[in-house]
Amino acid sequence: MTYFGVLTIFILPPLLALVALVPRDLWHRLFRRTGPVNWLAYAAVVLHVVIAVVYTTPWDNYLVANRVWWYDPELVTGITLGWVPIEEYTFFVVQSLLTGLWTLALLRSVFTAPENVAAGRNLRRTSALLVLGLWLVSVALLVSSWTPGRYLALILVWGLPPVLVQVWFGADILRAHWRLLALAISLPTLYLWLVDALAINSGTWTIDPAQTTGLKLWVLPIEEMLFFLITNVLLVFGVTLVLSPESQRRLRDLVTNFKRIDLPAKENGPAAT
């Protein structure tokens, strides 16, 4: 099965369904010229598409360049940016749209109750420390000579820093939305596990057995399972935080406090000169 075949058969149909059903306010505005549009919701999804492409590109190029995974050259177009086929970049975009729009669908149709966040500075601090500790362990694993742990360590070293920022800023906000997070993360992750397993089984791409632990579910390495889990965590956490009223208030406070700190420094600068 070609790489674009995987995307067309398995990713495009649910994505098109979400595009048709979720942004109804946008379609009404464009075609009927009526009703308001929640532009922030779509900006949040598009922002995460951009971040996914920018942040993942150098990491994924490193994986392919070092043969952590590779693709069958007969099953791709042959167009590459760096070491990575154009199909992979397309996957970055469509996965981000799929998970982002699914999260919006749940926010608009299922989890519609007003936000009720119990502020928890200790929770944010503790969560950040736990993620930092796990990241340090993964760094130690990466620099060790244990080759079977390389792909696992690369995923964690790459994926945990954004999670660290997210929980430091809003672990208490995320806790308030735990039901949304559970459903928004689990369904796309399970579905992408299935798609990934089918693609691996058909030879579309291959994971280097020497650089993985060997733990599998059918043909799906546990490292691939972790990759799709952590990418969906990043997407759902990010969209949820951007759209949270408490998150927006907290960000305004941070900006205001930063300006208060920066202002005296600017005022003292000319005097010192």
Protein backbone atom coordinates (compact mmCIF):
# COMPACT_ATOMS: atom_id res chain seq x y z
CA MET A 1 0.00 0.00 0.00
CA THR A 2 1.44 3.38 -0.97
CA TYR A 3 1.93 6.04 1.69
CA PHE A 4 -0.60 8.34 0.04
CA GLY A 5 -2.88 5.31 -0.24
CA VAL A 6 -2.76 4.94 3.56
CA LEU A 7 -3.65 8.60 3.99
CA THR A 8 -6.41 8.52 1.39
CA ILE A 9 -8.10 5.35 2.61
CA PHE A 10 -7.77 5.73 6.37
CA ILE A 11 -7.24 9.40 7.24
CA LEU A 12 -9.07 11.38 4.58
CA PRO A 13 -12.64 10.04 5.17
CA PRO A 14 -12.84 10.83 8.91
CA LEU A 15 -11.04 14.11 8.35
CA LEU A 16 -13.49 15.19 5.64
CA ALA A 17 -16.39 14.26 7.90
CA LEU A 18 -14.99 16.45 10.68
CA VAL A 19 -14.31 19.32 8.27
CA ALA A 20 -17.91 19.14 7.06
CA LEU A 21 -19.55 18.83 10.49
CA VAL A 22 -17.46 20.74 13.02
CA PRO A 23 -17.01 24.27 11.59
CA ARG A 24 -20.70 24.84 10.87
CA ASP A 25 -20.46 28.46 12.03
CA LEU A 26 -17.68 29.02 9.51
CA TRP A 27 -19.64 27.45 6.65
CA HIS A 28 -22.74 29.49 7.53
CA ARG A 29 -20.65 32.65 7.50
CA LEU A 30 -18.96 31.83 4.18
CA PHE A 31 -21.97 30.58 2.25
CA ARG A 32 -24.99 32.19 3.93
CA ARG A 33 -23.33 35.34 5.26
CA THR A 34 -24.99 34.82 8.63
CA GLY A 35 -23.95 34.25 12.22
CA PRO A 36 -20.78 34.83 14.24
CA VAL A 37 -17.67 32.69 13.87
CA ASN A 38 -15.50 31.48 16.72
CA TRP A 39 -12.24 32.31 14.98
CA LEU A 40 -10.15 31.47 18.05
CA ALA A 41 -11.19 27.82 17.84
CA TYR A 42 -9.95 27.48 14.27
CA ALA A 43 -6.85 29.54 14.98
CA ALA A 44 -6.02 27.11 17.81
CA VAL A 45 -6.20 24.13 15.45
CA VAL A 46 -4.22 25.84 12.68
CA LEU A 47 -1.61 27.00 15.20
CA HIS A 48 -1.07 23.41 16.30
CA VAL A 49 -0.76 22.25 12.69
CA VAL A 50 2.04 24.78 12.19
CA ILE A 51 3.74 23.86 15.46
CA ALA A 52 3.51 20.15 14.62
CA VAL A 53 5.21 20.62 11.25
CA VAL A 54 7.93 22.96 12.55
CA TYR A 55 8.70 21.02 15.72
CA THR A 56 8.54 17.53 14.23
CA THR A 57 10.44 18.13 10.98
CA PRO A 58 14.05 18.15 12.30
CA TRP A 59 13.33 15.25 14.68
CA ASP A 60 11.75 13.08 11.99
CA ASN A 61 14.56 13.87 9.56
CA TYR A 62 17.02 12.70 12.20
CA LEU A 63 15.10 9.42 12.58
CA VAL A 64 15.13 8.69 8.86
CA ALA A 65 18.74 9.81 8.41
CA ASN A 66 19.80 7.41 11.17
CA ARG A 67 17.59 4.58 9.91
CA VAL A 68 15.42 4.44 13.01
CA TRP A 69 12.61 4.03 10.52
CA TRP A 70 12.50 3.98 6.75
CA TYR A 71 9.98 3.77 3.94
CA ASP A 72 9.69 1.61 0.85
CA PRO A 73 10.88 3.85 -2.04
CA GLU A 74 8.44 2.04 -4.34
CA LEU A 75 5.50 3.15 -2.19
CA VAL A 76 6.17 6.90 -2.06
CA THR A 77 6.27 9.60 -4.71
CA GLY A 78 10.01 10.13 -4.35
CA ILE A 79 9.56 13.79 -3.41
CA THR A 80 11.51 14.47 -0.23
CA LEU A 81 12.34 17.45 1.95
CA GLY A 82 15.57 16.53 3.62
CA TRP A 83 15.43 12.79 4.24
CA VAL A 84 11.67 12.62 4.74
CA PRO A 85 9.09 11.99 1.99
CA ILE A 86 6.43 14.60 1.32
CA GLU A 87 3.83 12.06 2.47
CA GLU A 88 5.22 12.24 6.01
CA TYR A 89 4.80 16.00 6.13
CA THR A 90 1.25 15.49 4.92
CA PHE A 91 0.74 13.09 7.82
CA PHE A 92 1.88 15.80 10.27
CA VAL A 93 -0.82 18.11 8.91
CA VAL A 94 -3.70 15.67 8.66
CA GLN A 95 -3.13 14.11 12.09
CA SER A 96 -3.09 17.57 13.67
CA LEU A 97 -6.29 18.53 11.87
CA LEU A 98 -7.95 15.22 12.71
CA THR A 99 -7.23 15.38 16.43
CA GLY A 100 -7.76 19.14 16.67
CA LEU A 101 -11.17 19.08 14.98
CA TRP A 102 -12.20 16.03 17.01
CA THR A 103 -11.38 17.97 20.18
CA LEU A 104 -13.46 20.92 18.94
CA ALA A 105 -16.35 18.58 18.14
CA LEU A 106 -16.35 17.27 21.70
CA LEU A 107 -16.13 20.77 23.17
CA ARG A 108 -19.12 21.89 21.11
CA SER A 109 -21.39 18.88 21.42
CA VAL A 110 -20.52 16.88 24.55
CA PHE A 111 -18.48 18.90 27.06
CA THR A 112 -20.43 22.13 26.94
CA ALA A 113 -20.73 22.91 30.67
CA PRO A 114 -19.06 26.11 31.90
CA GLU A 115 -15.45 25.67 32.92
CA ASN A 116 -14.86 25.14 36.63
CA VAL A 117 -11.16 25.28 37.43
CA ALA A 118 -9.92 24.86 40.98
CA ALA A 119 -6.61 26.71 40.92
CA GLY A 120 -3.78 24.40 41.86
CA ARG A 121 -0.29 25.87 41.89
CA ASN A 122 1.07 22.84 43.71
CA LEU A 123 -0.45 20.55 41.09
CA ARG A 124 1.20 22.53 38.31
CA ARG A 125 4.55 22.49 40.08
CA THR A 126 4.40 18.79 40.94
CA SER A 127 3.28 17.80 37.44
CA ALA A 128 6.09 19.82 35.88
CA LEU A 129 8.67 18.21 38.18
CA LEU A 130 7.43 14.72 37.33
CA VAL A 131 7.60 15.40 33.60
CA LEU A 132 11.05 16.96 34.02
CA GLY A 133 12.23 13.88 35.94
CA LEU A 134 10.96 11.56 33.22
CA TRP A 135 12.66 13.71 30.58
CA LEU A 136 15.99 13.52 32.43
CA VAL A 137 15.68 9.73 32.63
CA SER A 138 14.99 9.61 28.89
CA VAL A 139 18.04 11.79 28.21
CA ALA A 140 20.15 9.39 30.25
CA LEU A 141 18.71 6.48 28.26
CA LEU A 142 19.46 8.25 24.99
CA VAL A 143 23.12 8.90 25.82
CA SER A 144 23.59 5.36 27.11
CA SER A 145 24.87 2.60 24.86
CA TRP A 146 21.60 0.62 24.98
CA THR A 147 20.65 0.57 21.31
CA PRO A 148 17.23 -1.11 21.76
CA GLY A 149 16.10 1.87 23.83
CA ARG A 150 17.11 4.50 21.29
CA TYR A 151 13.76 5.07 19.55
CA LEU A 152 11.91 5.08 22.88
CA ALA A 153 14.34 7.64 24.29
CA LEU A 154 14.18 9.80 21.17
CA ILE A 155 10.39 9.99 21.42
CA LEU A 156 10.48 11.00 25.08
CA VAL A 157 13.34 13.49 24.73
CA TRP A 158 11.49 15.13 21.84
CA GLY A 159 7.91 14.91 23.15
CA LEU A 160 8.20 15.73 26.84
CA PRO A 161 9.46 19.36 26.77
CA PRO A 162 6.18 20.70 25.29
CA VAL A 163 4.22 18.60 27.80
CA LEU A 164 6.36 20.12 30.55
CA VAL A 165 5.37 23.63 29.44
CA GLN A 166 1.71 22.67 29.17
CA VAL A 167 1.41 21.17 32.65
CA TRP A 168 3.51 23.92 34.23
CA PHE A 169 1.12 26.47 32.80
CA GLY A 170 -2.17 24.64 33.20
CA ALA A 171 -2.17 21.24 34.89
CA ASP A 172 -5.10 22.40 37.02
CA ILE A 173 -6.98 23.53 33.89
CA LEU A 174 -6.31 20.18 32.26
CA ARG A 175 -7.51 18.39 35.42
CA ALA A 176 -10.82 20.27 35.18
CA HIS A 177 -11.22 18.93 31.62
CA TRP A 178 -10.09 15.36 32.30
CA ARG A 179 -13.18 13.76 30.75
CA LEU A 180 -12.69 15.73 27.56
CA LEU A 181 -8.99 14.84 27.50
CA ALA A 182 -9.66 11.15 28.00
CA LEU A 183 -12.07 10.93 25.06
CA ALA A 184 -10.27 13.40 22.79
CA ILE A 185 -6.94 11.58 23.19
CA SER A 186 -8.02 7.95 23.31
CA LEU A 187 -10.12 7.62 20.13
CA PRO A 188 -7.66 9.21 17.66
CA THR A 189 -4.81 7.33 19.32
CA LEU A 190 -6.52 3.95 19.04
CA TYR A 191 -7.46 4.65 15.44
CA LEU A 192 -3.95 5.76 14.48
CA TRP A 193 -2.50 2.68 16.18
CA LEU A 194 -4.64 0.57 13.85
CA VAL A 195 -3.63 2.60 10.77
CA ASP A 196 0.04 2.41 11.75
CA ALA A 197 -0.14 -1.36 12.28
CA LEU A 198 -1.75 -1.88 8.88
CA ALA A 199 0.88 0.30 7.19
CA ILE A 200 3.75 -1.52 8.90
CA ASN A 201 2.21 -4.88 8.04
CA SER A 202 1.91 -3.89 4.38
CA GLY A 203 5.51 -2.64 4.25
CA THR A 204 4.70 1.03 3.68
CA TRP A 205 7.21 1.93 6.38
CA THR A 206 9.49 -0.11 8.62
CA ILE A 207 10.71 0.43 12.17
CA ASP A 208 14.29 -0.71 12.83
CA PRO A 209 14.06 -3.73 15.17
CA ALA A 210 17.62 -3.12 16.39
CA GLN A 211 16.69 0.32 17.75
CA THR A 212 13.47 -0.74 19.48
CA THR A 213 12.79 -2.79 22.58
CA GLY A 214 11.01 -5.54 20.65
CA LEU A 215 7.80 -5.13 22.64
CA LYS A 216 4.87 -5.21 20.23
CA LEU A 217 1.13 -5.40 19.96
CA TRP A 218 0.71 -7.57 16.85
CA VAL A 219 3.15 -5.84 14.43
CA LEU A 220 2.97 -2.47 16.19
CA PRO A 221 6.07 -1.60 18.27
CA ILE A 222 5.39 -0.08 21.65
CA GLU A 223 7.46 2.90 20.54
CA GLU A 224 5.00 3.67 17.75
CA MET A 225 2.15 3.38 20.23
CA LEU A 226 3.92 5.88 22.47
CA PHE A 227 4.54 8.24 19.55
CA PHE A 228 0.88 8.53 18.59
CA LEU A 229 -0.15 8.78 22.23
CA ILE A 230 2.24 11.61 23.03
CA THR A 231 1.49 13.54 19.82
CA ASN A 232 -2.24 13.40 20.52
CA VAL A 233 -1.61 14.43 24.13
CA LEU A 234 0.28 17.47 22.87
CA LEU A 235 -2.48 18.39 20.42
CA VAL A 236 -5.40 17.92 22.81
CA PHE A 237 -3.65 19.57 25.75
CA GLY A 238 -2.70 22.50 23.52
CA VAL A 239 -6.11 23.11 21.97
CA THR A 240 -7.81 22.75 25.35
CA LEU A 241 -5.48 25.25 26.98
CA VAL A 242 -5.79 27.81 24.16
CA LEU A 243 -9.58 27.73 24.33
CA SER A 244 -9.88 27.73 28.13
CA PRO A 245 -11.15 31.04 29.59
CA GLU A 246 -9.01 30.48 32.68
CA SER A 247 -5.99 29.88 30.49
CA GLN A 248 -6.62 33.11 28.60
CA ARG A 249 -6.97 35.04 31.87
CA ARG A 250 -3.78 33.47 33.21
CA LEU A 251 -1.88 34.40 30.09
CA ARG A 252 -3.08 38.02 30.34
CA ASP A 253 -1.87 38.12 33.95
CA LEU A 254 1.53 36.76 32.94
CA VAL A 255 1.89 39.39 30.22
CA THR A 256 0.80 42.15 32.60
CA ASN A 257 3.24 41.04 35.29
CA PHE A 258 6.04 40.83 32.74
CA LYS A 259 5.35 44.39 31.59
CA ARG A 260 5.43 45.61 35.20
CA ILE A 261 8.84 44.02 35.68
CA ASP A 262 10.18 45.27 32.35
CA LEU A 263 8.96 48.87 32.70
CA PRO A 264 11.28 49.95 35.56
CA ALA A 265 14.24 48.42 33.73
CA LYS A 266 13.48 50.57 30.68
CA GLU A 267 12.99 53.67 32.82
CA ASN A 268 16.31 53.10 34.63
CA GLY A 269 18.23 52.50 31.42
CA PRO A 270 18.62 56.11 30.19
CA ALA A 271 19.31 57.35 33.73
CA ALA A 272 22.14 54.88 34.11
CA THR A 273 23.52 56.02 30.77
